[in-house]
Amino acid sequence: MCLAIPARIVELEGDRAVVDTMGNQFKAKTTLLPHTKLGDIVLVHAGFAIQVIEEEEAKKTWQLIAEIDEFSDTQNRVSG
């Protein structure tokens, strides 16, 4: 399964970015989106920003990820 994750650009130099998603930072290339700027929220897949998205859409995805994480934690406590 392939998944693109929404992340905010927190550092940008040329086409090299550092992005943040839910407190986790990692590197991404913005080569495919040359007009992105600091603060934009992008979908990142395989290390590349592939689309700029609105913050409200990103928040929905971040909420779903948090719910999955909570569910996983609960399941681990029950089975552990």
PDB file of N, CA and C in Angstrom:
ATOM      1  N   MET A   1       0.844  -1.173   0.000  1.00  0.00           N
ATOM      2  CA  MET A   1       0.000   0.000   0.000  1.00  0.00           C
ATOM      3  C   MET A   1       0.887   1.234   0.000  1.00  0.00           C
ATOM      4  N   CYS A   2       0.555   2.191  -0.825  1.00  0.00           N
ATOM      5  CA  CYS A   2       1.281   3.454  -0.898  1.00  0.00           C
ATOM      6  C   CYS A   2       0.484   4.525  -0.165  1.00  0.00           C
ATOM      7  N   LEU A   3       1.198   5.395   0.505  1.00  0.00           N
ATOM      8  CA  LEU A   3       0.543   6.417   1.293  1.00  0.00           C
ATOM      9  C   LEU A   3       1.302   7.726   1.160  1.00  0.00           C
ATOM     10  N   ALA A   4       0.577   8.798   0.924  1.00  0.00           N
ATOM     11  CA  ALA A   4       1.168  10.141   0.932  1.00  0.00           C
ATOM     12  C   ALA A   4       0.743  10.796   2.237  1.00  0.00           C
ATOM     13  N   ILE A   5       1.692  11.432   2.896  1.00  0.00           N
ATOM     14  CA  ILE A   5       1.452  12.013   4.216  1.00  0.00           C
ATOM     15  C   ILE A   5       1.498  13.536   4.122  1.00  0.00           C
ATOM     16  N   PRO A   6       0.521  14.232   4.716  1.00  0.00           N
ATOM     17  CA  PRO A   6       0.592  15.694   4.722  1.00  0.00           C
ATOM     18  C   PRO A   6       1.654  16.184   5.707  1.00  0.00           C
ATOM     19  N   ALA A   7       2.422  17.159   5.261  1.00  0.00           N
ATOM     20  CA  ALA A   7       3.485  17.713   6.110  1.00  0.00           C
ATOM     21  C   ALA A   7       3.685  19.181   5.763  1.00  0.00           C
ATOM     22  N   ARG A   8       4.030  19.949   6.793  1.00  0.00           N
ATOM     23  CA  ARG A   8       4.267  21.391   6.600  1.00  0.00           C
ATOM     24  C   ARG A   8       5.760  21.618   6.335  1.00  0.00           C
ATOM     25  N   ILE A   9       6.059  22.450   5.351  1.00  0.00           N
ATOM     26  CA  ILE A   9       7.450  22.797   5.049  1.00  0.00           C
ATOM     27  C   ILE A   9       7.952  23.758   6.126  1.00  0.00           C
ATOM     28  N   VAL A  10       8.986  23.330   6.865  1.00  0.00           N
ATOM     29  CA  VAL A  10       9.524  24.169   7.941  1.00  0.00           C
ATOM     30  C   VAL A  10      10.908  24.728   7.602  1.00  0.00           C
ATOM     31  N   GLU A  11      11.567  24.134   6.624  1.00  0.00           N
ATOM     32  CA  GLU A  11      12.828  24.662   6.102  1.00  0.00           C
ATOM     33  C   GLU A  11      12.821  24.418   4.605  1.00  0.00           C
ATOM     34  N   LEU A  12      13.373  25.365   3.857  1.00  0.00           N
ATOM     35  CA  LEU A  12      13.376  25.217   2.408  1.00  0.00           C
ATOM     36  C   LEU A  12      14.601  25.903   1.833  1.00  0.00           C
ATOM     37  N   GLU A  13      15.402  25.147   1.098  1.00  0.00           N
ATOM     38  CA  GLU A  13      16.570  25.688   0.409  1.00  0.00           C
ATOM     39  C   GLU A  13      16.627  25.032  -0.962  1.00  0.00           C
ATOM     40  N   GLY A  14      16.368  25.824  -1.991  1.00  0.00           N
ATOM     41  CA  GLY A  14      16.290  25.263  -3.340  1.00  0.00           C
ATOM     42  C   GLY A  14      15.120  24.292  -3.401  1.00  0.00           C
ATOM     43  N   ASP A  15      15.401  23.060  -3.817  1.00  0.00           N
ATOM     44  CA  ASP A  15      14.340  22.048  -3.846  1.00  0.00           C
ATOM     45  C   ASP A  15      14.460  21.059  -2.688  1.00  0.00           C
ATOM     46  N   ARG A  16      15.244  21.425  -1.682  1.00  0.00           N
ATOM     47  CA  ARG A  16      15.406  20.572  -0.495  1.00  0.00           C
ATOM     48  C   ARG A  16      14.626  21.174   0.661  1.00  0.00           C
ATOM     49  N   ALA A  17      13.770  20.359   1.224  1.00  0.00           N
ATOM     50  CA  ALA A  17      12.926  20.847   2.319  1.00  0.00           C
ATOM     51  C   ALA A  17      13.061  19.938   3.530  1.00  0.00           C
ATOM     52  N   VAL A  18      12.790  20.524   4.672  1.00  0.00           N
ATOM     53  CA  VAL A  18      12.533  19.743   5.881  1.00  0.00           C
ATOM     54  C   VAL A  18      11.058  19.968   6.165  1.00  0.00           C
ATOM     55  N   VAL A  19      10.341  18.874   6.337  1.00  0.00           N
ATOM     56  CA  VAL A  19       8.904  18.957   6.579  1.00  0.00           C
ATOM     57  C   VAL A  19       8.577  18.380   7.941  1.00  0.00           C
ATOM     58  N   ASP A  20       7.446  18.806   8.486  1.00  0.00           N
ATOM     59  CA  ASP A  20       7.005  18.354   9.806  1.00  0.00           C
ATOM     60  C   ASP A  20       5.597  17.803   9.702  1.00  0.00           C
ATOM     61  N   THR A  21       5.422  16.609  10.218  1.00  0.00           N
ATOM     62  CA  THR A  21       4.095  16.028  10.313  1.00  0.00           C
ATOM     63  C   THR A  21       3.919  15.470  11.714  1.00  0.00           C
ATOM     64  N   MET A  22       3.016  16.059  12.444  1.00  0.00           N
ATOM     65  CA  MET A  22       2.678  15.620  13.791  1.00  0.00           C
ATOM     66  C   MET A  22       3.900  15.561  14.713  1.00  0.00           C
ATOM     67  N   GLY A  23       4.816  16.531  14.534  1.00  0.00           N
ATOM     68  CA  GLY A  23       5.998  16.597  15.386  1.00  0.00           C
ATOM     69  C   GLY A  23       7.191  15.803  14.887  1.00  0.00           C
ATOM     70  N   ASN A  24       7.033  15.063  13.812  1.00  0.00           N
ATOM     71  CA  ASN A  24       8.136  14.309  13.221  1.00  0.00           C
ATOM     72  C   ASN A  24       8.650  15.071  12.006  1.00  0.00           C
ATOM     73  N   GLN A  25       9.962  15.298  11.983  1.00  0.00           N
ATOM     74  CA  GLN A  25      10.547  16.026  10.865  1.00  0.00           C
ATOM     75  C   GLN A  25      11.386  15.097  10.001  1.00  0.00           C
ATOM     76  N   PHE A  26      11.323  15.324   8.681  1.00  0.00           N
ATOM     77  CA  PHE A  26      12.132  14.548   7.757  1.00  0.00           C
ATOM     78  C   PHE A  26      12.368  15.373   6.497  1.00  0.00           C
ATOM     79  N   LYS A  27      13.287  14.896   5.669  1.00  0.00           N
ATOM     80  CA  LYS A  27      13.644  15.613   4.445  1.00  0.00           C
ATOM     81  C   LYS A  27      12.711  15.209   3.311  1.00  0.00           C
ATOM     82  N   ALA A  28      12.444  16.154   2.435  1.00  0.00           N
ATOM     83  CA  ALA A  28      11.639  15.897   1.235  1.00  0.00           C
ATOM     84  C   ALA A  28      12.139  16.809   0.120  1.00  0.00           C
ATOM     85  N   LYS A  29      11.979  16.365  -1.083  1.00  0.00           N
ATOM     86  CA  LYS A  29      12.339  17.166  -2.252  1.00  0.00           C
ATOM     87  C   LYS A  29      11.086  17.834  -2.805  1.00  0.00           C
ATOM     88  N   THR A  30      11.234  19.086  -3.208  1.00  0.00           N
ATOM     89  CA  THR A  30      10.104  19.831  -3.775  1.00  0.00           C
ATOM     90  C   THR A  30      10.275  20.018  -5.284  1.00  0.00           C
ATOM     91  N   THR A  31      11.094  19.210  -5.893  1.00  0.00           N
ATOM     92  CA  THR A  31      11.387  19.309  -7.324  1.00  0.00           C
ATOM     93  C   THR A  31      10.122  19.324  -8.177  1.00  0.00           C
ATOM     94  N   LEU A  32       9.128  18.529  -7.794  1.00  0.00           N
ATOM     95  CA  LEU A  32       7.893  18.428  -8.578  1.00  0.00           C
ATOM     96  C   LEU A  32       6.957  19.612  -8.358  1.00  0.00           C
ATOM     97  N   LEU A  33       7.227  20.402  -7.329  1.00  0.00           N
ATOM     98  CA  LEU A  33       6.391  21.570  -6.997  1.00  0.00           C
ATOM     99  C   LEU A  33       7.297  22.787  -6.819  1.00  0.00           C
ATOM    100  N   PRO A  34       7.824  23.331  -7.900  1.00  0.00           N
ATOM    101  CA  PRO A  34       8.820  24.395  -7.786  1.00  0.00           C
ATOM    102  C   PRO A  34       8.317  25.689  -7.159  1.00  0.00           C
ATOM    103  N   HIS A  35       7.009  25.878  -7.033  1.00  0.00           N
ATOM    104  CA  HIS A  35       6.487  27.132  -6.481  1.00  0.00           C
ATOM    105  C   HIS A  35       6.097  27.017  -5.015  1.00  0.00           C
ATOM    106  N   THR A  36       6.459  25.916  -4.364  1.00  0.00           N
ATOM    107  CA  THR A  36       6.138  25.794  -2.938  1.00  0.00           C
ATOM    108  C   THR A  36       6.968  26.787  -2.144  1.00  0.00           C
ATOM    109  N   LYS A  37       6.432  27.113  -0.964  1.00  0.00           N
ATOM    110  CA  LYS A  37       7.136  28.070  -0.109  1.00  0.00           C
ATOM    111  C   LYS A  37       7.082  27.599   1.339  1.00  0.00           C
ATOM    112  N   LEU A  38       7.897  28.216   2.155  1.00  0.00           N
ATOM    113  CA  LEU A  38       7.940  27.926   3.579  1.00  0.00           C
ATOM    114  C   LEU A  38       6.541  28.058   4.168  1.00  0.00           C
ATOM    115  N   GLY A  39       6.117  27.071   4.930  1.00  0.00           N
ATOM    116  CA  GLY A  39       4.801  27.104   5.549  1.00  0.00           C
ATOM    117  C   GLY A  39       3.729  26.355   4.780  1.00  0.00           C
ATOM    118  N   ASP A  40       3.967  26.074   3.486  1.00  0.00           N
ATOM    119  CA  ASP A  40       2.994  25.304   2.715  1.00  0.00           C
ATOM    120  C   ASP A  40       2.847  23.899   3.306  1.00  0.00           C
ATOM    121  N   ILE A  41       1.660  23.351   3.139  1.00  0.00           N
ATOM    122  CA  ILE A  41       1.430  21.959   3.520  1.00  0.00           C
ATOM    123  C   ILE A  41       1.355  21.161   2.233  1.00  0.00           C
ATOM    124  N   VAL A  42       2.175  20.111   2.195  1.00  0.00           N
ATOM    125  CA  VAL A  42       2.279  19.293   0.988  1.00  0.00           C
ATOM    126  C   VAL A  42       2.039  17.831   1.329  1.00  0.00           C
ATOM    127  N   LEU A  43       1.599  17.081   0.339  1.00  0.00           N
ATOM    128  CA  LEU A  43       1.546  15.629   0.465  1.00  0.00           C
ATOM    129  C   LEU A  43       2.918  15.106   0.072  1.00  0.00           C
ATOM    130  N   VAL A  44       3.499  14.265   0.935  1.00  0.00           N
ATOM    131  CA  VAL A  44       4.823  13.716   0.670  1.00  0.00           C
ATOM    132  C   VAL A  44       4.687  12.219   0.442  1.00  0.00           C
ATOM    133  N   HIS A  45       5.244  11.765  -0.670  1.00  0.00           N
ATOM    134  CA  HIS A  45       5.255  10.342  -1.005  1.00  0.00           C
ATOM    135  C   HIS A  45       6.640   9.987  -1.510  1.00  0.00           C
ATOM    136  N   ALA A  46       7.226   8.953  -0.929  1.00  0.00           N
ATOM    137  CA  ALA A  46       8.550   8.461  -1.344  1.00  0.00           C
ATOM    138  C   ALA A  46       9.594   9.573  -1.359  1.00  0.00           C
ATOM    139  N   GLY A  47       9.501  10.496  -0.391  1.00  0.00           N
ATOM    140  CA  GLY A  47      10.495  11.550  -0.265  1.00  0.00           C
ATOM    141  C   GLY A  47      10.281  12.760  -1.148  1.00  0.00           C
ATOM    142  N   PHE A  48       9.164  12.788  -1.884  1.00  0.00           N
ATOM    143  CA  PHE A  48       8.877  13.919  -2.769  1.00  0.00           C
ATOM    144  C   PHE A  48       7.548  14.564  -2.406  1.00  0.00           C
ATOM    145  N   ALA A  49       7.532  15.899  -2.366  1.00  0.00           N
ATOM    146  CA  ALA A  49       6.277  16.634  -2.234  1.00  0.00           C
ATOM    147  C   ALA A  49       5.574  16.516  -3.575  1.00  0.00           C
ATOM    148  N   ILE A  50       4.328  16.020  -3.556  1.00  0.00           N
ATOM    149  CA  ILE A  50       3.638  15.768  -4.830  1.00  0.00           C
ATOM    150  C   ILE A  50       2.417  16.652  -5.040  1.00  0.00           C
ATOM    151  N   GLN A  51       1.969  17.339  -3.970  1.00  0.00           N
ATOM    152  CA  GLN A  51       0.797  18.214  -4.113  1.00  0.00           C
ATOM    153  C   GLN A  51       0.714  19.145  -2.917  1.00  0.00           C
ATOM    154  N   VAL A  52       0.350  20.393  -3.164  1.00  0.00           N
ATOM    155  CA  VAL A  52       0.072  21.343  -2.084  1.00  0.00           C
ATOM    156  C   VAL A  52      -1.393  21.148  -1.695  1.00  0.00           C
ATOM    157  N   ILE A  53      -1.672  21.107  -0.392  1.00  0.00           N
ATOM    158  CA  ILE A  53      -3.053  20.932   0.065  1.00  0.00           C
ATOM    159  C   ILE A  53      -3.399  21.993   1.106  1.00  0.00           C
ATOM    160  N   GLU A  54      -4.693  22.133   1.346  1.00  0.00           N
ATOM    161  CA  GLU A  54      -5.194  23.071   2.344  1.00  0.00           C
ATOM    162  C   GLU A  54      -5.000  22.495   3.745  1.00  0.00           C
ATOM    163  N   GLU A  55      -4.829  23.383   4.712  1.00  0.00           N
ATOM    164  CA  GLU A  55      -4.594  22.955   6.090  1.00  0.00           C
ATOM    165  C   GLU A  55      -5.747  22.116   6.645  1.00  0.00           C
ATOM    166  N   GLU A  56      -6.979  22.467   6.295  1.00  0.00           N
ATOM    167  CA  GLU A  56      -8.125  21.704   6.804  1.00  0.00           C
ATOM    168  C   GLU A  56      -8.078  20.245   6.356  1.00  0.00           C
ATOM    169  N   GLU A  57      -7.673  20.010   5.116  1.00  0.00           N
ATOM    170  CA  GLU A  57      -7.549  18.633   4.623  1.00  0.00           C
ATOM    171  C   GLU A  57      -6.438  17.901   5.366  1.00  0.00           C
ATOM    172  N   ALA A  58      -5.326  18.580   5.589  1.00  0.00           N
ATOM    173  CA  ALA A  58      -4.215  17.976   6.326  1.00  0.00           C
ATOM    174  C   ALA A  58      -4.650  17.610   7.742  1.00  0.00           C
ATOM    175  N   LYS A  59      -5.394  18.496   8.401  1.00  0.00           N
ATOM    176  CA  LYS A  59      -5.844  18.239   9.769  1.00  0.00           C
ATOM    177  C   LYS A  59      -6.720  16.988   9.846  1.00  0.00           C
ATOM    178  N   LYS A  60      -7.556  16.776   8.838  1.00  0.00           N
ATOM    179  CA  LYS A  60      -8.394  15.574   8.815  1.00  0.00           C
ATOM    180  C   LYS A  60      -7.528  14.316   8.784  1.00  0.00           C
ATOM    181  N   THR A  61      -6.512  14.332   7.955  1.00  0.00           N
ATOM    182  CA  THR A  61      -5.621  13.171   7.854  1.00  0.00           C
ATOM    183  C   THR A  61      -4.830  12.979   9.136  1.00  0.00           C
ATOM    184  N   TRP A  62      -4.298  14.073   9.695  1.00  0.00           N
ATOM    185  CA  TRP A  62      -3.550  13.964  10.946  1.00  0.00           C
ATOM    186  C   TRP A  62      -4.427  13.400  12.059  1.00  0.00           C
ATOM    187  N   GLN A  63      -5.697  13.784  12.104  1.00  0.00           N
ATOM    188  CA  GLN A  63      -6.616  13.264  13.109  1.00  0.00           C
ATOM    189  C   GLN A  63      -6.817  11.757  12.930  1.00  0.00           C
ATOM    190  N   LEU A  64      -6.992  11.325  11.691  1.00  0.00           N
ATOM    191  CA  LEU A  64      -7.154   9.885  11.430  1.00  0.00           C
ATOM    192  C   LEU A  64      -5.909   9.105  11.840  1.00  0.00           C
ATOM    193  N   ILE A  65      -4.740   9.639  11.559  1.00  0.00           N
ATOM    194  CA  ILE A  65      -3.494   8.972  11.958  1.00  0.00           C
ATOM    195  C   ILE A  65      -3.420   8.868  13.473  1.00  0.00           C
ATOM    196  N   ALA A  66      -3.803   9.931  14.175  1.00  0.00           N
ATOM    197  CA  ALA A  66      -3.795   9.911  15.642  1.00  0.00           C
ATOM    198  C   ALA A  66      -4.764   8.858  16.178  1.00  0.00           C
ATOM    199  N   GLU A  67      -5.926   8.738  15.563  1.00  0.00           N
ATOM    200  CA  GLU A  67      -6.906   7.735  15.999  1.00  0.00           C
ATOM    201  C   GLU A  67      -6.385   6.320  15.774  1.00  0.00           C
ATOM    202  N   ILE A  68      -5.723   6.093  14.652  1.00  0.00           N
ATOM    203  CA  ILE A  68      -5.140   4.777  14.385  1.00  0.00           C
ATOM    204  C   ILE A  68      -4.062   4.470  15.406  1.00  0.00           C
ATOM    205  N   ASP A  69      -3.250   5.460  15.721  1.00  0.00           N
ATOM    206  CA  ASP A  69      -2.185   5.285  16.710  1.00  0.00           C
ATOM    207  C   ASP A  69      -2.764   4.954  18.083  1.00  0.00           C
ATOM    208  N   GLU A  70      -3.822   5.662  18.486  1.00  0.00           N
ATOM    209  CA  GLU A  70      -4.487   5.379  19.767  1.00  0.00           C
ATOM    210  C   GLU A  70      -5.045   3.959  19.798  1.00  0.00           C
ATOM    211  N   PHE A  71      -5.699   3.557  18.712  1.00  0.00           N
ATOM    212  CA  PHE A  71      -6.270   2.213  18.617  1.00  0.00           C
ATOM    213  C   PHE A  71      -5.169   1.166  18.737  1.00  0.00           C
ATOM    214  N   SER A  72      -4.063   1.389  18.051  1.00  0.00           N
ATOM    215  CA  SER A  72      -2.935   0.456  18.097  1.00  0.00           C
ATOM    216  C   SER A  72      -2.380   0.352  19.504  1.00  0.00           C
ATOM    217  N   ASP A  73      -2.229   1.483  20.191  1.00  0.00           N
ATOM    218  CA  ASP A  73      -1.747   1.478  21.572  1.00  0.00           C
ATOM    219  C   ASP A  73      -2.684   0.687  22.481  1.00  0.00           C
ATOM    220  N   THR A  74      -3.990   0.881  22.291  1.00  0.00           N
ATOM    221  CA  THR A  74      -4.993   0.169  23.099  1.00  0.00           C
ATOM    222  C   THR A  74      -4.899  -1.333  22.846  1.00  0.00           C
ATOM    223  N   GLN A  75      -4.779  -1.729  21.596  1.00  0.00           N
ATOM    224  CA  GLN A  75      -4.685  -3.139  21.259  1.00  0.00           C
ATOM    225  C   GLN A  75      -3.423  -3.760  21.853  1.00  0.00           C
ATOM    226  N   ASN A  76      -2.317  -3.041  21.852  1.00  0.00           N
ATOM    227  CA  ASN A  76      -1.076  -3.551  22.411  1.00  0.00           C
ATOM    228  C   ASN A  76      -1.182  -3.738  23.920  1.00  0.00           C
ATOM    229  N   ARG A  77      -1.880  -2.838  24.605  1.00  0.00           N
ATOM    230  CA  ARG A  77      -2.054  -2.976  26.060  1.00  0.00           C
ATOM    231  C   ARG A  77      -2.950  -4.165  26.385  1.00  0.00           C
ATOM    232  N   VAL A  78      -3.990  -4.373  25.577  1.00  0.00           N
ATOM    233  CA  VAL A  78      -4.923  -5.469  25.816  1.00  0.00           C
ATOM    234  C   VAL A  78      -4.249  -6.819  25.583  1.00  0.00           C
ATOM    235  N   SER A  79      -3.471  -6.913  24.500  1.00  0.00           N
ATOM    236  CA  SER A  79      -2.869  -8.202  24.151  1.00  0.00           C
ATOM    237  C   SER A  79      -1.526  -8.422  24.858  1.00  0.00           C
ATOM    238  N   GLY A  80      -0.979  -7.391  25.483  1.00  0.00           N
ATOM    239  CA  GLY A  80       0.346  -7.493  26.102  1.00  0.00           C
ATOM    240  C   GLY A  80       0.265  -7.881  27.494  1.00  0.00           C
TER     241      GLY A  80
END
